[in-house]
Amino acid sequence: MWRTFRLSINPVLRHHSGIMKTALITGTAGFIGYFTARALLAEGWRVIGLDAMTNYYDVILKQRRHEMLAQSPHFTPVIGRLETPGLLQQLFAAHEPQLVIHLAAQAGVRHSIDNPASYVQSNLVGTAELLEAVRAHPPAHTLLASTSSVYGANTEMPYLETHKVDTQMSFYAATKKATEAMTHSYAHLYGLPITMFRFFTVYGPWGRPDMAHFKFTKAILNGDPIEVYNHGNQQRDFTYIDDLVAGIVALADAIPDPKAPVPGDSLSPVAPFRVVNIGNGTPVKLMDYIAAIEAACGRKAEKVFRDAQPGDVPATWADTSLLEALTGPPPHHKCPHRAATFRRLVPQLLRGVRDHTPKTQKPRHERGGLESSSAGFSIWLRLAAATANFHRRQLVDTDLFTGHPIAFAISQSRLNGSSFSAGDIDAPP
């Protein structure tokens, strides 16, 4: 069954009998936004989901996520851009959300070098529009996404929220650091309770097609080379999507109160504002990551070693002590180790793709409501087999979010034919 998240720490956001709370989430057609909205819908929330459906990657994938959310009568999709003057003000006035989760952003480290203007519009102008709406119609709590990339050239590991973050190495990271500063100013000026969370390389089913675990799988199966940047001397703190969403939802109740700090808190001394890392807390070396994919695929990758690319940081590593102090032990401590699960399941999934005949899927109206994300192994095999031979339009009509992330990688890699490298391992919203 889909994990049940508790929303009971703070009575302001607790569900009272007969009263449905409203959350406004930006970026609900995105990877993290979809799963966050899905979790809140499962908890009985009414969710207003805003997304621009930009073409940074295949829009069909985004549309399919919204279609799945729309299976719930309590989901209201809104298509529009954050930076559209007055749009967020109208949504806040019409729906009066008690909870706001701002996940929409222009993503990608290297894309920010090629197209910085899009980051100014989405990440800076868009966030300013959101903050103005929050000021005019204050919710009980506002949460905004940041990134581990803000730690930049910091070499002190693991990263603590209280570390200095003034040495960003990409324009993407600089815009996210700027949103942290902008948000703090609004929390101070208007007394708005705000939490910023910093993500660490998020992966899982329905993820962005340009991420390394999808691209590496495709390349290795096709016999294509992969480019390994910084000669393989990188490591990342990979965070599974279920664990990330559990952290976000739990933090919704941890409303910052300057009078009630916890040990190691990042609470501002002048505002109801804090920053929280959400990560796995265990970095993985890039070459180990590639070796695990090779072992799962049953063949070696052809590696082309390159120098580090502009904007890349050599390592990330989250200290999650503050998250645990605020919400309790993270859920991944209670689950099987993701790497072990990866190694054990993928070879069988690959055999399922090669050996099984595609099965006919029930029509969408017969499949019921929001489906479980922890389906049995036989379902994983059927999904892998069924989707392996589908073309793109058929692929997105398959509820792959019920499968294992690498089973999805096998099939989702068909969505994206662009060039790639081993540096594509940072996962923004």
Protein backbone atom coordinates (compact mmCIF):
# COMPACT_ATOMS: atom_id res chain seq x y z
CA MET A 1 0.00 0.00 0.00
CA TRP A 2 1.00 3.60 -0.53
CA ARG A 3 2.80 4.87 2.53
CA THR A 4 0.56 6.79 4.94
CA PHE A 5 2.15 10.05 6.00
CA ARG A 6 1.27 11.58 9.33
CA LEU A 7 0.05 15.17 9.38
CA SER A 8 -0.52 15.65 13.08
CA ILE A 9 2.36 17.53 14.68
CA ASN A 10 0.85 21.01 14.48
CA PRO A 11 -2.89 21.51 15.16
CA VAL A 12 -3.07 24.34 12.61
CA LEU A 13 -2.74 21.81 9.77
CA ARG A 14 -4.46 18.87 11.46
CA HIS A 15 -7.55 17.58 9.68
CA HIS A 16 -10.70 18.14 11.71
CA SER A 17 -13.74 15.95 11.21
CA GLY A 18 -15.78 17.08 8.21
CA ILE A 19 -13.29 19.78 7.16
CA MET A 20 -11.11 19.29 4.08
CA LYS A 21 -7.92 21.32 4.08
CA THR A 22 -6.62 22.87 0.86
CA ALA A 23 -3.03 22.76 -0.39
CA LEU A 24 -1.69 24.70 -3.35
CA ILE A 25 1.28 22.98 -5.00
CA THR A 26 3.26 24.43 -7.88
CA GLY A 27 4.89 22.07 -10.35
CA THR A 28 2.39 19.22 -9.97
CA ALA A 29 3.10 17.91 -13.47
CA GLY A 30 6.75 17.56 -12.48
CA PHE A 31 8.40 14.51 -10.94
CA ILE A 32 8.43 15.62 -7.29
CA GLY A 33 5.28 17.71 -7.54
CA TYR A 34 3.28 14.75 -8.85
CA PHE A 35 4.25 12.46 -5.98
CA THR A 36 3.78 15.21 -3.38
CA ALA A 37 0.29 15.98 -4.65
CA ARG A 38 -0.52 12.28 -4.73
CA ALA A 39 0.52 11.87 -1.10
CA LEU A 40 -1.62 14.78 0.08
CA LEU A 41 -4.63 13.57 -1.91
CA ALA A 42 -4.23 10.20 -0.23
CA GLU A 43 -4.31 12.01 3.13
CA GLY A 44 -7.63 13.65 2.30
CA TRP A 45 -6.40 17.05 1.18
CA ARG A 46 -7.88 19.09 -1.62
CA VAL A 47 -5.01 19.98 -3.95
CA ILE A 48 -4.77 22.90 -6.38
CA GLY A 49 -1.97 22.06 -8.81
CA LEU A 50 -0.30 24.75 -10.93
CA ASP A 51 2.05 23.82 -13.76
CA ALA A 52 3.20 25.54 -16.94
CA MET A 53 3.77 22.29 -18.90
CA THR A 54 7.03 23.66 -20.32
CA ASN A 55 8.91 21.65 -22.94
CA TYR A 56 12.19 21.31 -21.00
CA TYR A 57 11.49 17.59 -21.42
CA ASP A 58 8.67 15.63 -23.07
CA VAL A 59 5.37 17.35 -22.23
CA ILE A 60 3.46 14.08 -22.75
CA LEU A 61 5.07 12.73 -19.59
CA LYS A 62 3.88 15.80 -17.65
CA GLN A 63 0.40 15.56 -19.08
CA ARG A 64 0.16 11.91 -18.05
CA ARG A 65 1.12 12.77 -14.46
CA HIS A 66 -1.69 15.33 -14.32
CA GLU A 67 -4.11 12.82 -15.83
CA MET A 68 -3.30 10.37 -13.02
CA LEU A 69 -3.80 13.05 -10.36
CA ALA A 70 -7.10 13.97 -11.98
CA GLN A 71 -8.39 10.50 -11.11
CA SER A 72 -9.06 12.10 -7.74
CA PRO A 73 -12.08 14.45 -7.61
CA HIS A 74 -10.16 16.57 -5.10
CA PHE A 75 -7.42 17.58 -7.55
CA THR A 76 -7.84 20.83 -9.50
CA PRO A 77 -5.25 21.35 -12.27
CA VAL A 78 -4.34 24.87 -13.37
CA ILE A 79 -2.13 25.37 -16.42
CA GLY A 80 -0.16 28.61 -16.28
CA ARG A 81 3.19 30.18 -15.62
CA LEU A 82 4.29 31.28 -12.17
CA GLU A 83 5.52 34.59 -13.45
CA THR A 84 2.19 35.60 -15.03
CA PRO A 85 1.25 38.80 -13.17
CA GLY A 86 -1.70 38.27 -10.85
CA LEU A 87 -2.26 34.56 -11.59
CA LEU A 88 -1.12 33.31 -8.18
CA GLN A 89 -2.95 36.13 -6.43
CA GLN A 90 -6.16 34.98 -8.10
CA LEU A 91 -5.59 31.35 -7.13
CA PHE A 92 -4.85 32.22 -3.50
CA ALA A 93 -7.92 34.45 -3.27
CA ALA A 94 -10.18 31.84 -4.84
CA HIS A 95 -8.99 28.77 -2.93
CA GLU A 96 -7.52 30.14 0.35
CA PRO A 97 -4.94 27.36 0.82
CA GLN A 98 -3.80 26.48 4.33
CA LEU A 99 -0.63 24.90 2.95
CA VAL A 100 1.55 26.03 0.03
CA ILE A 101 4.33 23.86 -1.44
CA HIS A 102 6.36 25.62 -4.12
CA LEU A 103 8.16 23.03 -6.27
CA ALA A 104 7.96 24.57 -9.74
CA ALA A 105 11.32 25.75 -11.06
CA GLN A 106 13.51 25.73 -14.13
CA ALA A 107 15.74 22.74 -13.48
CA GLY A 108 19.21 21.64 -14.53
CA VAL A 109 22.77 22.74 -13.82
CA ARG A 110 24.17 22.75 -17.35
CA HIS A 111 21.02 24.07 -19.01
CA SER A 112 21.39 27.17 -16.85
CA ILE A 113 24.67 27.91 -18.64
CA ASP A 114 22.98 27.74 -22.03
CA ASN A 115 19.74 29.51 -21.17
CA PRO A 116 20.08 31.62 -18.02
CA ALA A 117 17.13 33.88 -18.88
CA SER A 118 14.65 31.05 -18.33
CA TYR A 119 16.01 30.64 -14.78
CA VAL A 120 15.53 34.32 -14.04
CA GLN A 121 11.90 34.15 -15.14
CA SER A 122 10.88 30.88 -13.49
CA ASN A 123 13.05 30.82 -10.38
CA LEU A 124 13.28 34.51 -9.51
CA VAL A 125 10.31 36.32 -11.05
CA GLY A 126 8.04 33.31 -10.49
CA THR A 127 9.05 33.00 -6.83
CA ALA A 128 8.54 36.74 -6.32
CA GLU A 129 4.98 36.38 -7.64
CA LEU A 130 4.40 33.49 -5.24
CA LEU A 131 5.74 35.44 -2.26
CA GLU A 132 3.45 38.36 -3.05
CA ALA A 133 0.48 35.98 -3.11
CA VAL A 134 1.59 34.45 0.21
CA ARG A 135 1.86 37.95 1.70
CA ALA A 136 -1.63 38.92 0.53
CA HIS A 137 -3.26 35.61 1.54
CA PRO A 138 -1.09 34.05 4.26
CA PRO A 139 -1.36 30.25 4.60
CA ALA A 140 -0.55 28.45 7.86
CA HIS A 141 2.75 27.27 6.36
CA THR A 142 4.65 27.78 3.11
CA LEU A 143 7.32 25.34 1.94
CA LEU A 144 9.69 26.05 -0.94
CA ALA A 145 12.15 23.81 -2.74
CA SER A 146 15.84 24.60 -2.89
CA THR A 147 18.72 22.33 -3.87
CA SER A 148 21.95 20.81 -2.59
CA SER A 149 23.63 22.74 -5.40
CA VAL A 150 23.53 25.86 -3.21
CA TYR A 151 26.38 24.39 -1.14
CA GLY A 152 28.57 24.97 -4.19
CA ALA A 153 32.30 24.88 -3.52
CA ASN A 154 31.81 23.94 0.13
CA THR A 155 34.06 20.95 0.88
CA GLU A 156 32.98 20.38 4.48
CA MET A 157 31.02 17.13 4.53
CA PRO A 158 28.30 16.23 5.30
CA TYR A 159 26.47 19.41 4.43
CA LEU A 160 24.76 21.12 7.36
CA GLU A 161 22.00 23.69 6.93
CA THR A 162 24.06 26.11 8.99
CA HIS A 163 27.07 25.93 6.66
CA LYS A 164 27.94 29.07 4.73
CA VAL A 165 26.49 28.93 1.19
CA ASP A 166 28.05 31.80 -0.74
CA THR A 167 30.04 29.93 -3.40
CA GLN A 168 27.51 28.60 -5.91
CA MET A 169 29.11 27.04 -9.01
CA SER A 170 26.19 27.24 -11.46
CA PHE A 171 23.62 29.86 -12.36
CA TYR A 172 20.88 27.39 -11.44
CA ALA A 173 22.31 27.13 -7.92
CA ALA A 174 22.67 30.91 -7.73
CA THR A 175 18.98 31.42 -8.53
CA LYS A 176 17.96 28.90 -5.87
CA LYS A 177 20.19 30.60 -3.28
CA ALA A 178 18.58 33.89 -4.30
CA THR A 179 15.12 32.44 -3.70
CA GLU A 180 16.23 31.42 -0.20
CA ALA A 181 17.28 35.01 0.52
CA MET A 182 14.11 36.47 -1.03
CA THR A 183 11.95 34.12 0.99
CA HIS A 184 13.72 34.91 4.26
CA SER A 185 13.09 38.61 3.71
CA TYR A 186 9.34 38.00 3.32
CA ALA A 187 9.28 35.78 6.40
CA HIS A 188 10.95 38.59 8.36
CA LEU A 189 8.97 41.51 6.96
CA TYR A 190 5.52 39.94 7.16
CA GLY A 191 5.88 37.24 9.82
CA LEU A 192 5.19 34.43 7.34
CA PRO A 193 6.09 30.89 8.54
CA ILE A 194 8.30 29.46 5.79
CA THR A 195 10.45 26.35 5.41
CA MET A 196 12.99 25.89 2.60
CA PHE A 197 14.07 22.32 1.90
CA ARG A 198 17.23 21.41 0.02
CA PHE A 199 16.91 18.31 -2.20
CA PHE A 200 19.72 15.85 -2.87
CA THR A 201 19.68 14.01 -6.25
CA VAL A 202 16.19 12.56 -6.30
CA TYR A 203 15.42 9.44 -8.33
CA GLY A 204 12.50 7.08 -8.87
CA PRO A 205 9.67 6.12 -11.23
CA TRP A 206 8.23 8.88 -13.39
CA GLY A 207 11.47 10.85 -12.97
CA ARG A 208 12.97 13.28 -15.43
CA PRO A 209 14.06 11.46 -18.61
CA ASP A 210 17.40 13.29 -18.76
CA MET A 211 18.60 11.84 -15.44
CA ALA A 212 21.61 9.53 -15.47
CA HIS A 213 20.00 6.34 -14.21
CA PHE A 214 17.58 6.37 -17.14
CA LYS A 215 20.19 7.36 -19.72
CA PHE A 216 22.84 4.94 -18.50
CA THR A 217 20.39 2.05 -18.65
CA LYS A 218 19.42 2.90 -22.20
CA ALA A 219 23.03 3.28 -23.33
CA ILE A 220 24.27 0.07 -21.75
CA LEU A 221 21.42 -1.97 -23.20
CA ASN A 222 21.97 -0.40 -26.63
CA GLY A 223 25.76 -0.76 -26.52
CA ASP A 224 26.29 3.01 -26.70
CA PRO A 225 29.14 4.80 -24.84
CA ILE A 226 28.66 6.97 -21.78
CA GLU A 227 30.79 9.99 -20.96
CA VAL A 228 32.12 9.95 -17.40
CA TYR A 229 33.02 13.44 -16.22
CA ASN A 230 35.73 14.40 -13.74
CA HIS A 231 37.21 10.99 -14.65
CA GLY A 232 34.66 9.34 -12.38
CA ASN A 233 35.71 11.22 -9.25
CA GLN A 234 32.22 12.24 -8.17
CA GLN A 235 29.74 11.13 -5.56
CA ARG A 236 26.12 11.99 -4.90
CA ASP A 237 23.64 11.58 -2.05
CA PHE A 238 20.86 9.78 -3.96
CA THR A 239 17.38 10.16 -2.45
CA TYR A 240 14.48 7.91 -3.41
CA ILE A 241 11.26 9.78 -4.25
CA ASP A 242 9.18 8.06 -1.53
CA ASP A 243 11.66 9.17 1.13
CA LEU A 244 11.74 12.72 -0.18
CA VAL A 245 7.96 13.05 -0.23
CA ALA A 246 7.73 11.61 3.27
CA GLY A 247 10.08 14.39 4.40
CA ILE A 248 8.13 17.12 2.63
CA VAL A 249 4.79 16.03 4.01
CA ALA A 250 6.14 15.60 7.53
CA LEU A 251 7.71 19.08 7.39
CA ALA A 252 4.31 20.57 6.51
CA ASP A 253 3.43 20.24 10.19
CA ALA A 254 6.80 21.43 11.50
CA ILE A 255 5.91 25.12 11.33
CA PRO A 256 8.92 27.30 12.24
CA ASP A 257 8.60 28.96 15.62
CA PRO A 258 11.56 31.11 16.69
CA LYS A 259 10.60 30.43 20.32
CA ALA A 260 10.81 26.65 19.91
CA PRO A 261 14.10 25.62 18.28
CA VAL A 262 15.27 22.01 18.15
CA PRO A 263 18.89 20.81 18.47
CA GLY A 264 20.97 21.89 15.48
CA ASP A 265 18.21 24.14 14.18
CA SER A 266 18.67 26.53 11.28
CA LEU A 267 15.89 28.81 12.54
CA SER A 268 16.43 32.45 11.67
CA PRO A 269 16.94 34.73 14.68
CA VAL A 270 14.68 37.35 13.07
CA ALA A 271 11.96 35.37 11.25
CA PRO A 272 9.80 32.21 11.39
CA PHE A 273 12.08 30.70 8.74
CA ARG A 274 14.28 27.63 8.53
CA VAL A 275 16.19 25.56 5.97
CA VAL A 276 16.13 21.74 6.06
CA ASN A 277 18.13 19.14 4.12
CA ILE A 278 16.15 16.21 2.73
CA GLY A 279 18.57 13.53 1.60
CA ASN A 280 19.56 9.92 2.12
CA GLY A 281 22.59 10.78 4.25
CA THR A 282 24.82 8.26 2.43
CA PRO A 283 26.77 9.38 -0.66
CA VAL A 284 27.46 6.94 -3.51
CA LYS A 285 30.56 7.08 -5.70
CA LEU A 286 29.82 7.61 -9.39
CA MET A 287 31.87 4.59 -10.46
CA ASP A 288 30.01 2.38 -7.95
CA TYR A 289 26.76 3.75 -9.32
CA ILE A 290 27.79 2.85 -12.87
CA ALA A 291 29.00 -0.59 -11.74
CA ALA A 292 25.61 -1.31 -10.15
CA ILE A 293 23.84 -0.45 -13.40
CA GLU A 294 26.31 -2.60 -15.36
CA ALA A 295 25.72 -5.55 -13.03
CA ALA A 296 21.97 -5.11 -13.29
CA CYS A 297 22.06 -4.91 -17.08
CA GLY A 298 24.44 -7.86 -17.36
CA ARG A 299 26.99 -6.03 -19.49
CA LYS A 300 29.78 -3.49 -19.19
CA ALA A 301 29.40 0.13 -20.21
CA GLU A 302 31.74 1.65 -22.76
CA LYS A 303 33.12 4.57 -20.78
CA VAL A 304 34.67 7.73 -22.19
CA PHE A 305 36.40 9.67 -19.40
CA ARG A 306 36.27 13.47 -19.52
CA ASP A 307 37.33 16.44 -17.40
CA ALA A 308 34.76 17.97 -15.06
CA GLN A 309 32.07 20.05 -16.73
CA PRO A 310 31.40 23.69 -15.79
CA GLY A 311 28.97 23.99 -12.90
CA ASP A 312 29.45 20.46 -11.56
CA VAL A 313 30.40 19.91 -7.93
CA PRO A 314 32.51 16.86 -7.06
CA ALA A 315 30.32 15.60 -4.21
CA THR A 316 27.13 16.05 -2.22
CA TRP A 317 26.28 14.58 1.17
CA ALA A 318 23.31 15.53 3.33
CA ASP A 319 23.36 15.75 7.09
CA THR A 320 19.74 14.89 7.94
CA SER A 321 19.94 15.41 11.70
CA LEU A 322 17.67 18.46 11.61
CA LEU A 323 15.05 16.65 9.53
CA GLU A 324 15.06 13.80 12.06
CA ALA A 325 14.81 16.23 14.98
CA LEU A 326 11.76 17.84 13.39
CA THR A 327 9.93 14.80 12.00
CA GLY A 328 11.40 11.67 13.55
CA PRO A 329 13.56 8.97 11.89
CA PRO A 330 13.37 9.19 8.09
CA PRO A 331 11.39 6.40 6.43
CA HIS A 332 14.34 5.04 4.45
CA HIS A 333 15.81 3.83 7.77
CA LYS A 334 12.85 1.44 7.94
CA CYS A 335 13.06 0.21 4.35
CA PRO A 336 15.46 -2.14 2.53
CA HIS A 337 18.61 -0.43 1.32
CA ARG A 338 17.87 1.06 -2.08
CA ALA A 339 21.16 -0.06 -3.59
CA ALA A 340 20.54 -3.65 -2.50
CA THR A 341 17.03 -3.51 -3.93
CA PHE A 342 18.47 -2.09 -7.15
CA ARG A 343 21.01 -4.89 -7.52
CA ARG A 344 18.54 -7.65 -6.68
CA LEU A 345 15.56 -6.66 -8.81
CA VAL A 346 16.91 -5.17 -12.01
CA PRO A 347 18.32 -8.39 -13.54
CA GLN A 348 14.93 -10.06 -13.11
CA LEU A 349 13.18 -7.03 -14.54
CA LEU A 350 15.47 -7.12 -17.54
CA ARG A 351 14.62 -10.79 -18.05
CA GLY A 352 10.98 -9.82 -17.83
CA VAL A 353 11.46 -7.31 -20.63
CA ARG A 354 13.24 -9.85 -22.82
CA ASP A 355 11.13 -12.94 -22.15
CA HIS A 356 7.57 -11.81 -21.50
CA THR A 357 4.93 -11.11 -24.10
CA PRO A 358 3.23 -7.70 -23.74
CA LYS A 359 -0.09 -8.01 -21.98
CA THR A 360 -3.24 -6.02 -22.71
CA GLN A 361 -3.90 -3.31 -20.15
CA LYS A 362 -7.37 -2.62 -18.76
CA PRO A 363 -8.99 0.62 -19.92
CA ARG A 364 -8.17 3.51 -17.63
CA HIS A 365 -11.74 3.81 -16.34
CA GLU A 366 -11.58 0.19 -15.10
CA ARG A 367 -8.36 0.63 -13.15
CA GLY A 368 -9.93 2.51 -10.25
CA GLY A 369 -8.45 5.39 -8.30
CA LEU A 370 -4.90 6.30 -7.37
CA GLU A 371 -2.95 3.07 -7.59
CA SER A 372 -0.36 1.63 -5.22
CA SER A 373 3.33 2.54 -5.64
CA SER A 374 4.45 -0.73 -4.02
CA ALA A 375 2.97 -3.26 -6.40
CA GLY A 376 4.11 -6.88 -6.25
CA PHE A 377 7.03 -8.22 -8.21
CA SER A 378 4.77 -9.91 -10.77
CA ILE A 379 3.30 -6.52 -11.61
CA TRP A 380 6.79 -5.10 -12.07
CA LEU A 381 7.53 -7.85 -14.57
CA ARG A 382 4.32 -7.33 -16.48
CA LEU A 383 4.85 -3.57 -16.66
CA ALA A 384 8.43 -3.93 -17.83
CA ALA A 385 7.40 -6.46 -20.47
CA ALA A 386 4.38 -4.53 -21.63
CA THR A 387 6.10 -1.18 -21.93
CA ALA A 388 9.36 -2.32 -23.49
CA ASN A 389 7.80 -2.59 -26.95
CA PHE A 390 5.39 0.33 -26.74
CA HIS A 391 6.03 3.49 -28.71
CA ARG A 392 6.03 6.83 -26.88
CA ARG A 393 2.29 7.55 -26.91
CA GLN A 394 1.45 4.07 -25.65
CA LEU A 395 4.19 4.29 -23.04
CA VAL A 396 2.71 7.23 -21.21
CA ASP A 397 -0.70 5.55 -21.12
CA THR A 398 0.81 2.84 -18.90
CA ASP A 399 0.76 3.35 -15.14
CA LEU A 400 4.47 2.86 -14.71
CA PHE A 401 4.55 4.60 -11.38
CA THR A 402 3.53 1.27 -9.84
CA GLY A 403 6.84 -0.26 -10.90
CA HIS A 404 10.41 -0.25 -9.69
CA PRO A 405 12.39 2.84 -10.78
CA ILE A 406 14.82 0.91 -12.95
CA ALA A 407 12.04 -1.06 -14.59
CA PHE A 408 10.69 2.32 -15.52
CA ALA A 409 14.15 3.42 -16.66
CA ILE A 410 14.23 0.62 -19.20
CA SER A 411 11.07 1.81 -20.86
CA GLN A 412 11.18 5.53 -20.16
CA SER A 413 14.54 5.83 -21.89
CA ARG A 414 12.54 5.63 -25.13
CA LEU A 415 11.15 9.06 -24.31
CA ASN A 416 14.45 10.84 -24.76
CA GLY A 417 16.99 10.46 -27.53
CA SER A 418 19.26 13.37 -26.61
CA SER A 419 22.98 13.15 -25.85
CA PHE A 420 23.96 12.56 -22.25
CA SER A 421 26.84 12.15 -19.85
CA ALA A 422 27.71 10.76 -16.47
CA GLY A 423 27.42 14.27 -15.12
CA ASP A 424 23.62 14.23 -15.44
CA ILE A 425 23.05 13.15 -11.88
CA ASP A 426 21.67 16.23 -10.14
CA ALA A 427 17.89 16.08 -9.78
CA PRO A 428 15.98 19.28 -9.17
CA PRO A 429 12.22 19.33 -8.92
